[in-house]
Amino acid sequence: MIDNWRTSSHSGQEGNCVEVGRGSDEVGVRDTKDRDGGTLRFNPDAWDRFLRSLED
């Protein structure tokens, strides 16, 4: 189960943002305007590699 959903402090008030949540064996990403509309799910290792690639 994914919990602990967070949005970036840089998101602003326009509502054009996503939330990221971590579970014990997955990371989820969803649209804040449609939280029930579906969740992209990632393996935690793949998500960490993705974040590291943004730093390069």
N, C-alpha and C. Protein backbone atom coordinates (compact mmCIF):
# COMPACT_ATOMS: atom_id res chain seq x y z
N MET A 1 0.84 -1.18 0.00
CA MET A 1 0.00 0.00 0.00
C MET A 1 0.89 1.25 0.00
N ILE A 2 0.52 2.18 -0.82
CA ILE A 2 1.27 3.43 -0.89
C ILE A 2 0.61 4.43 0.06
N ASP A 3 1.44 5.06 0.87
CA ASP A 3 0.94 6.10 1.77
C ASP A 3 1.95 7.24 1.79
N ASN A 4 1.78 8.15 2.69
CA ASN A 4 2.72 9.25 2.84
C ASN A 4 2.86 10.04 1.54
N TRP A 5 1.74 10.38 0.91
CA TRP A 5 1.75 11.14 -0.34
C TRP A 5 2.26 12.55 -0.09
N ARG A 6 3.09 13.05 -1.03
CA ARG A 6 3.67 14.39 -0.90
C ARG A 6 3.62 15.12 -2.23
N THR A 7 3.50 16.42 -2.15
CA THR A 7 3.64 17.27 -3.33
C THR A 7 4.84 18.17 -3.12
N SER A 8 5.39 18.66 -4.18
CA SER A 8 6.54 19.55 -4.10
C SER A 8 6.13 20.89 -3.51
N SER A 9 7.02 21.50 -2.76
CA SER A 9 6.76 22.85 -2.25
C SER A 9 6.81 23.87 -3.37
N HIS A 10 7.28 23.48 -4.55
CA HIS A 10 7.37 24.37 -5.71
C HIS A 10 6.13 24.27 -6.59
N SER A 11 5.13 23.52 -6.19
CA SER A 11 3.96 23.26 -7.03
C SER A 11 3.08 24.49 -7.25
N GLY A 12 2.99 25.36 -6.29
CA GLY A 12 2.13 26.52 -6.43
C GLY A 12 0.67 26.18 -6.18
N GLN A 13 -0.20 27.13 -6.45
CA GLN A 13 -1.62 26.97 -6.17
C GLN A 13 -2.46 26.65 -7.40
N GLU A 14 -1.84 26.54 -8.58
CA GLU A 14 -2.60 26.30 -9.81
C GLU A 14 -3.13 24.88 -9.91
N GLY A 15 -2.61 23.96 -9.15
CA GLY A 15 -3.07 22.58 -9.18
C GLY A 15 -2.45 21.75 -10.28
N ASN A 16 -1.40 22.24 -10.91
CA ASN A 16 -0.72 21.50 -11.97
C ASN A 16 0.45 20.72 -11.39
N CYS A 17 0.15 19.75 -10.56
CA CYS A 17 1.23 19.02 -9.92
C CYS A 17 0.85 17.55 -9.73
N VAL A 18 1.83 16.80 -9.34
CA VAL A 18 1.63 15.39 -9.03
C VAL A 18 2.04 15.16 -7.58
N GLU A 19 1.59 14.04 -7.06
CA GLU A 19 2.00 13.60 -5.73
C GLU A 19 2.83 12.34 -5.88
N VAL A 20 3.77 12.17 -4.98
CA VAL A 20 4.58 10.96 -4.93
C VAL A 20 4.39 10.34 -3.56
N GLY A 21 4.17 9.04 -3.54
CA GLY A 21 4.02 8.31 -2.28
C GLY A 21 4.87 7.06 -2.30
N ARG A 22 5.33 6.65 -1.13
CA ARG A 22 6.15 5.43 -1.02
C ARG A 22 5.42 4.39 -0.20
N GLY A 23 5.50 3.18 -0.69
CA GLY A 23 5.03 2.03 0.05
C GLY A 23 6.22 1.16 0.40
N SER A 24 5.99 0.01 0.98
CA SER A 24 7.10 -0.86 1.37
C SER A 24 7.83 -1.43 0.17
N ASP A 25 7.12 -1.62 -0.96
CA ASP A 25 7.77 -2.22 -2.12
C ASP A 25 7.43 -1.52 -3.43
N GLU A 26 6.93 -0.28 -3.35
CA GLU A 26 6.63 0.46 -4.57
C GLU A 26 6.57 1.96 -4.30
N VAL A 27 6.71 2.72 -5.38
CA VAL A 27 6.57 4.18 -5.34
C VAL A 27 5.44 4.52 -6.30
N GLY A 28 4.55 5.40 -5.89
CA GLY A 28 3.43 5.78 -6.73
C GLY A 28 3.47 7.25 -7.09
N VAL A 29 2.97 7.57 -8.28
CA VAL A 29 2.86 8.95 -8.75
C VAL A 29 1.43 9.13 -9.26
N ARG A 30 0.76 10.19 -8.82
CA ARG A 30 -0.61 10.44 -9.26
C ARG A 30 -0.86 11.93 -9.41
N ASP A 31 -1.89 12.26 -10.16
CA ASP A 31 -2.30 13.64 -10.41
C ASP A 31 -3.11 14.15 -9.23
N THR A 32 -2.76 15.31 -8.71
CA THR A 32 -3.48 15.85 -7.56
C THR A 32 -4.91 16.26 -7.90
N LYS A 33 -5.19 16.53 -9.17
CA LYS A 33 -6.54 16.92 -9.57
C LYS A 33 -7.46 15.72 -9.74
N ASP A 34 -6.89 14.51 -9.84
CA ASP A 34 -7.69 13.30 -10.06
C ASP A 34 -7.04 12.13 -9.32
N ARG A 35 -7.07 12.18 -8.02
CA ARG A 35 -6.38 11.17 -7.21
C ARG A 35 -6.91 9.76 -7.41
N ASP A 36 -8.16 9.64 -7.83
CA ASP A 36 -8.74 8.32 -8.08
C ASP A 36 -8.60 7.90 -9.53
N GLY A 37 -7.96 8.72 -10.35
CA GLY A 37 -7.86 8.46 -11.78
C GLY A 37 -6.78 7.48 -12.18
N GLY A 38 -6.01 7.01 -11.25
CA GLY A 38 -4.96 6.05 -11.56
C GLY A 38 -3.64 6.48 -10.95
N THR A 39 -2.78 5.51 -10.76
CA THR A 39 -1.47 5.74 -10.16
C THR A 39 -0.42 5.02 -10.98
N LEU A 40 0.64 5.73 -11.33
CA LEU A 40 1.80 5.09 -11.93
C LEU A 40 2.60 4.47 -10.79
N ARG A 41 2.98 3.22 -10.94
CA ARG A 41 3.69 2.51 -9.87
C ARG A 41 5.07 2.09 -10.36
N PHE A 42 6.06 2.30 -9.51
CA PHE A 42 7.44 2.00 -9.85
C PHE A 42 8.09 1.16 -8.76
N ASN A 43 9.03 0.34 -9.16
CA ASN A 43 9.91 -0.35 -8.24
C ASN A 43 10.77 0.73 -7.56
N PRO A 44 10.99 0.67 -6.24
CA PRO A 44 11.77 1.70 -5.57
C PRO A 44 13.17 1.90 -6.15
N ASP A 45 13.84 0.82 -6.56
CA ASP A 45 15.17 0.97 -7.16
C ASP A 45 15.10 1.74 -8.47
N ALA A 46 14.10 1.44 -9.29
CA ALA A 46 13.94 2.15 -10.56
C ALA A 46 13.63 3.63 -10.31
N TRP A 47 12.82 3.91 -9.32
CA TRP A 47 12.49 5.30 -9.00
C TRP A 47 13.74 6.05 -8.54
N ASP A 48 14.54 5.43 -7.69
CA ASP A 48 15.77 6.07 -7.22
C ASP A 48 16.73 6.33 -8.37
N ARG A 49 16.84 5.39 -9.31
CA ARG A 49 17.69 5.60 -10.49
C ARG A 49 17.16 6.77 -11.32
N PHE A 50 15.85 6.85 -11.48
CA PHE A 50 15.24 7.96 -12.20
C PHE A 50 15.60 9.30 -11.55
N LEU A 51 15.46 9.39 -10.23
CA LEU A 51 15.79 10.64 -9.54
C LEU A 51 17.26 10.99 -9.68
N ARG A 52 18.13 10.01 -9.57
CA ARG A 52 19.56 10.27 -9.75
C ARG A 52 19.86 10.76 -11.16
N SER A 53 19.15 10.24 -12.15
CA SER A 53 19.39 10.67 -13.53
C SER A 53 19.02 12.14 -13.73
N LEU A 54 18.11 12.66 -12.93
CA LEU A 54 17.74 14.07 -13.03
C LEU A 54 18.84 14.99 -12.51
N GLU A 55 19.67 14.46 -11.63
CA GLU A 55 20.75 15.25 -11.06
C GLU A 55 21.93 15.38 -12.01
N ASP A 56 22.05 14.46 -12.95
CA ASP A 56 23.21 14.46 -13.87
C ASP A 56 23.13 15.53 -14.91
